[in-house]
Protein backbone atom coordinates (compact mmCIF):
# COMPACT_ATOMS: atom_id res chain seq x y z
CA UNK A 1 0.00 0.00 0.00
CA UNK A 2 1.29 3.46 -0.90
CA UNK A 3 1.74 5.56 2.24
CA UNK A 4 0.52 9.17 2.43
CA UNK A 5 3.34 11.71 2.27
CA UNK A 6 1.77 14.82 3.82
CA UNK A 7 1.78 15.71 7.51
CA UNK A 8 -1.04 14.19 9.61
CA UNK A 9 -4.36 15.89 10.27
CA UNK A 10 -6.60 15.15 13.26
CA UNK A 11 -10.39 15.58 13.16
CA UNK A 12 -12.69 15.74 16.18
CA UNK A 13 -16.23 14.97 15.03
CA UNK A 14 -18.90 15.97 17.53
CA UNK A 15 -21.55 13.48 18.55
CA UNK A 16 -24.13 16.16 17.72
CA UNK A 17 -22.97 15.86 14.11
CA UNK A 18 -22.92 12.05 13.96
CA UNK A 19 -26.30 11.41 15.59
CA UNK A 20 -29.05 13.89 14.70
CA UNK A 21 -31.97 11.62 13.77
CA UNK A 22 -31.95 13.02 10.23
CA UNK A 23 -30.14 11.20 7.40
CA UNK A 24 -27.47 9.93 9.79
CA UNK A 25 -26.69 6.86 7.67
CA UNK A 26 -26.30 8.99 4.54
CA UNK A 27 -24.05 11.42 6.38
CA UNK A 28 -21.82 8.69 7.82
CA UNK A 29 -21.58 7.08 4.40
CA UNK A 30 -20.49 10.39 2.86
CA UNK A 31 -18.08 11.07 5.70
CA UNK A 32 -16.50 7.63 5.32
CA UNK A 33 -16.02 8.22 1.59
CA UNK A 34 -14.44 11.62 2.28
CA UNK A 35 -12.06 10.15 4.88
CA UNK A 36 -11.01 7.28 2.62
CA UNK A 37 -10.25 9.80 -0.14
CA UNK A 38 -8.31 12.29 1.99
CA UNK A 39 -6.58 9.47 3.86
CA UNK A 40 -4.82 8.52 0.63
CA UNK A 41 -2.97 11.83 0.73
CA UNK A 42 -2.10 12.13 4.44
CA UNK A 43 -2.42 10.18 7.71
CA UNK A 44 -5.68 11.06 9.46
CA UNK A 45 -6.70 10.49 13.06
CA UNK A 46 -10.39 10.86 13.91
CA UNK A 47 -12.16 11.07 17.26
CA UNK A 48 -15.93 10.76 17.59
CA UNK A 49 -18.00 12.38 20.33
CA UNK A 50 -21.07 11.12 22.15
CA UNK A 51 -23.47 14.03 21.64
CA UNK A 52 -27.07 13.92 22.78
CA UNK A 53 -27.08 10.13 22.96
CA UNK A 54 -24.31 10.18 25.56
CA UNK A 55 -25.98 13.00 27.47
CA UNK A 56 -29.24 11.05 27.69
CA UNK A 57 -27.49 8.03 29.17
CA UNK A 58 -25.49 10.27 31.51
CA UNK A 59 -28.64 11.99 32.73
CA UNK A 60 -30.28 8.62 33.39
CA UNK A 61 -27.21 7.47 35.29
CA UNK A 62 -27.15 10.69 37.30
CA UNK A 63 -30.77 10.09 38.36
CA UNK A 64 -29.70 6.61 39.46
CA UNK A 65 -26.99 8.07 41.66
CA UNK A 66 -23.90 7.09 39.67
CA UNK A 67 -20.65 8.95 40.33
CA UNK A 68 -19.21 11.46 37.87
CA UNK A 69 -16.46 8.98 36.98
CA UNK A 70 -19.05 6.30 36.22
CA UNK A 71 -21.04 8.79 34.17
CA UNK A 72 -17.93 9.71 32.20
CA UNK A 73 -17.32 6.03 31.50
CA UNK A 74 -20.87 5.65 30.16
CA UNK A 75 -20.29 8.63 27.86
CA UNK A 76 -17.01 7.09 26.68
CA UNK A 77 -18.85 3.88 25.77
CA UNK A 78 -21.19 5.87 23.52
CA UNK A 79 -18.28 7.65 21.79
CA UNK A 80 -16.74 4.26 21.07
CA UNK A 81 -19.99 3.00 19.56
CA UNK A 82 -19.94 6.01 17.22
CA UNK A 83 -16.31 5.26 16.37
CA UNK A 84 -17.22 1.66 15.53
CA UNK A 85 -20.02 2.79 13.23
CA UNK A 86 -17.72 5.10 11.30
CA UNK A 87 -14.73 2.74 11.27
CA UNK A 88 -16.92 -0.12 10.11
CA UNK A 89 -18.22 1.96 7.20
CA UNK A 90 -14.72 3.06 6.22
CA UNK A 91 -13.51 -0.53 6.23
CA UNK A 92 -9.97 -2.01 6.17
CA UNK A 93 -7.26 -1.13 6.88
CA UNK A 94 -8.99 1.13 9.44
CA UNK A 95 -9.32 -1.01 12.61
CA UNK A 96 -12.90 -2.19 13.10
CA UNK A 97 -12.34 -2.12 16.86
CA UNK A 98 -11.11 1.42 17.52
CA UNK A 99 -8.09 1.94 19.78
CA UNK A 100 -8.90 2.92 23.35
CA UNK A 101 -5.77 4.95 24.10
CA UNK A 102 -3.85 7.69 22.30
CA UNK A 103 -0.71 5.53 22.34
CA UNK A 104 -2.57 2.68 20.63
CA UNK A 105 -3.96 5.07 18.01
CA UNK A 106 -0.45 6.34 17.24
CA UNK A 107 0.71 2.75 16.74
CA UNK A 108 -2.24 1.96 14.48
CA UNK A 109 -1.65 4.97 12.27
CA UNK A 110 1.84 3.68 11.58
CA UNK A 111 0.23 0.61 9.99
CA UNK A 112 -2.61 2.31 8.14
CA UNK A 113 -3.38 5.87 7.01
CA UNK A 114 -6.69 6.29 8.84
CA UNK A 115 -7.66 5.58 12.46
CA UNK A 116 -10.97 6.30 14.22
CA UNK A 117 -11.36 6.30 18.01
CA UNK A 118 -13.73 7.45 20.73
CA UNK A 119 -12.96 8.52 24.28
CA UNK A 120 -10.17 7.15 26.45
CA UNK A 121 -10.61 7.87 30.16
CA UNK A 122 -12.79 9.85 32.59
CA UNK A 123 -12.11 13.57 32.62
CA UNK A 124 -11.01 13.68 28.96
CA UNK A 125 -13.52 14.67 26.29
CA UNK A 126 -12.98 13.48 22.74
CA UNK A 127 -11.82 17.03 21.88
CA UNK A 128 -9.14 16.56 24.51
CA UNK A 129 -8.25 13.15 23.10
CA UNK A 130 -8.00 14.67 19.61
CA UNK A 131 -5.64 17.35 20.90
CA UNK A 132 -3.39 14.81 22.60
CA UNK A 133 -3.40 12.69 19.44
CA UNK A 134 -2.54 15.73 17.33
CA UNK A 135 0.48 16.48 19.49
CA UNK A 136 1.67 12.87 19.47
CA UNK A 137 1.32 12.70 15.68
CA UNK A 138 2.88 16.16 15.20
CA UNK A 139 -0.21 17.04 13.18
CA UNK A 140 -0.17 20.03 10.89
CA UNK A 141 -3.69 21.03 12.01
CA UNK A 142 -6.72 19.83 13.90
CA UNK A 143 -10.31 20.18 12.70
CA UNK A 144 -13.27 20.43 15.07
CA UNK A 145 -16.32 19.30 13.07
CA UNK A 146 -19.23 20.50 15.14
CA UNK A 147 -22.92 21.48 14.90
CA UNK A 148 -22.21 25.18 14.31
CA UNK A 149 -20.16 26.87 11.61
CA UNK A 150 -17.55 28.46 13.85
CA UNK A 151 -16.97 30.21 17.16
CA UNK A 152 -19.28 33.07 18.12
CA UNK A 153 -18.99 35.81 20.69
CA UNK A 154 -22.29 34.49 22.14
CA UNK A 155 -24.31 31.31 21.70
CA UNK A 156 -25.93 31.72 18.24
CA UNK A 157 -28.73 29.31 19.20
CA UNK A 158 -30.01 31.74 21.81
CA UNK A 159 -28.62 35.07 20.53
CA UNK A 160 -29.62 35.76 16.88
CA UNK A 161 -27.27 38.78 16.79
CA UNK A 162 -24.22 36.71 17.79
CA UNK A 163 -21.13 37.50 15.72
CA UNK A 164 -18.90 34.81 14.30
CA UNK A 165 -15.21 35.18 15.07
CA UNK A 166 -13.35 34.01 11.99
CA UNK A 167 -9.83 34.33 13.42
CA UNK A 168 -8.89 34.12 17.09
CA UNK A 169 -5.71 34.00 19.08
CA UNK A 170 -5.25 31.12 21.50
CA UNK A 171 -5.48 33.59 24.37
CA UNK A 172 -8.92 34.83 23.24
CA UNK A 173 -10.18 31.33 22.55
CA UNK A 174 -8.96 30.13 25.95
CA UNK A 175 -11.01 32.89 27.60
CA UNK A 176 -14.16 31.80 25.74
CA UNK A 177 -13.70 28.11 26.55
CA UNK A 178 -12.79 28.54 30.21
CA UNK A 179 -15.78 30.83 30.74
CA UNK A 180 -18.15 28.02 29.76
CA UNK A 181 -16.40 24.88 31.04
CA UNK A 182 -17.15 22.82 34.13
CA UNK A 183 -16.10 19.41 35.40
CA UNK A 184 -19.49 17.69 35.11
CA UNK A 185 -19.95 14.72 32.80
CA UNK A 186 -21.86 15.44 29.59
CA UNK A 187 -21.16 19.16 29.52
CA UNK A 188 -21.41 21.24 26.33
CA UNK A 189 -18.95 24.02 25.50
CA UNK A 190 -17.14 25.36 22.40
CA UNK A 191 -14.06 23.17 22.93
CA UNK A 192 -12.44 21.24 25.75
CA UNK A 193 -10.27 23.33 28.11
CA UNK A 194 -7.61 20.59 28.22
CA UNK A 195 -7.52 20.56 24.42
CA UNK A 196 -7.10 24.34 24.26
CA UNK A 197 -4.14 24.28 26.62
CA UNK A 198 -2.48 21.36 24.82
CA UNK A 199 -2.89 22.82 21.34
CA UNK A 200 -1.87 26.34 22.36
CA UNK A 201 1.33 25.01 23.88
CA UNK A 202 2.09 22.91 20.80
CA UNK A 203 1.09 25.75 18.43
CA UNK A 204 -1.11 23.48 16.31
CA UNK A 205 -3.75 25.49 14.36
CA UNK A 206 -7.39 24.65 15.04
CA UNK A 207 -10.20 24.94 12.49
CA UNK A 208 -13.84 24.89 13.62
CA UNK A 209 -16.38 24.01 10.92
CA UNK A 210 -19.93 22.77 10.46
CA UNK A 211 -19.39 19.03 10.38
CA UNK A 212 -22.31 18.16 8.11
CA UNK A 213 -20.97 20.36 5.31
CA UNK A 214 -18.69 17.70 3.86
CA UNK A 215 -17.33 19.80 1.00
CA UNK A 216 -16.26 22.50 3.44
CA UNK A 217 -14.86 19.91 5.86
CA UNK A 218 -12.71 18.50 3.07
CA UNK A 219 -11.36 21.98 2.28
CA UNK A 220 -10.36 22.39 5.92
CA UNK A 221 -8.68 18.97 5.97
CA UNK A 222 -6.74 19.81 2.83
CA UNK A 223 -5.60 23.17 4.21
CA UNK A 224 -7.57 25.19 1.68
CA UNK A 225 -9.79 28.21 2.37
CA UNK A 226 -12.88 27.15 4.35
CA UNK A 227 -15.96 28.62 5.97
CA UNK A 228 -15.58 28.64 9.74
CA UNK A 229 -13.27 29.86 12.50
CA UNK A 230 -9.52 29.48 12.79
CA UNK A 231 -7.52 29.60 16.03
CA UNK A 232 -3.74 29.98 15.91
């Protein structure tokens, strides 16, 4: 098999993008095709989030009195199910059973150009896992494929006048993320605070795009001009 020659790219795909209840199978099929195509040109590491499905299980577990660690582990299980769905659709040589640690993912990507994984351990979101993977792979960039088309100064779902920030410094982005982050399982925020710190220190650019716009996602993966926000 011919190995990709370009520097690796890491993609964090939000669970809110994978599981929406609308054309999910068609989306995952298109995403798998995109990843197979771009994976021929560069090594790609993908993490998949849990989204609303994980949050529903976490909320049920919280009502049953489970600890935050146990709730995190339930969320991780959901992210791994999403990873298996995507990896299974991509097919060999992508491992059908996704790696469960960053170290294992790094080893796998030495054998094949494309690896998909979910969460790893309590306290780390899949954004955080993607950031750690990006550093270990010395990735040229990381893409956050999410349910919105960039970072806004306010939540665009509740503030119609919110302004999209197309270019941000790591310092500004860190302020936005830390203002909305907590330690509770199943939380929602623009990006993981661990991931922000890791990427800022490593100086790996971050692109934030609408994950269901596959043409735009491919442009971001390829390093071309894209619609979204860029942090560097």
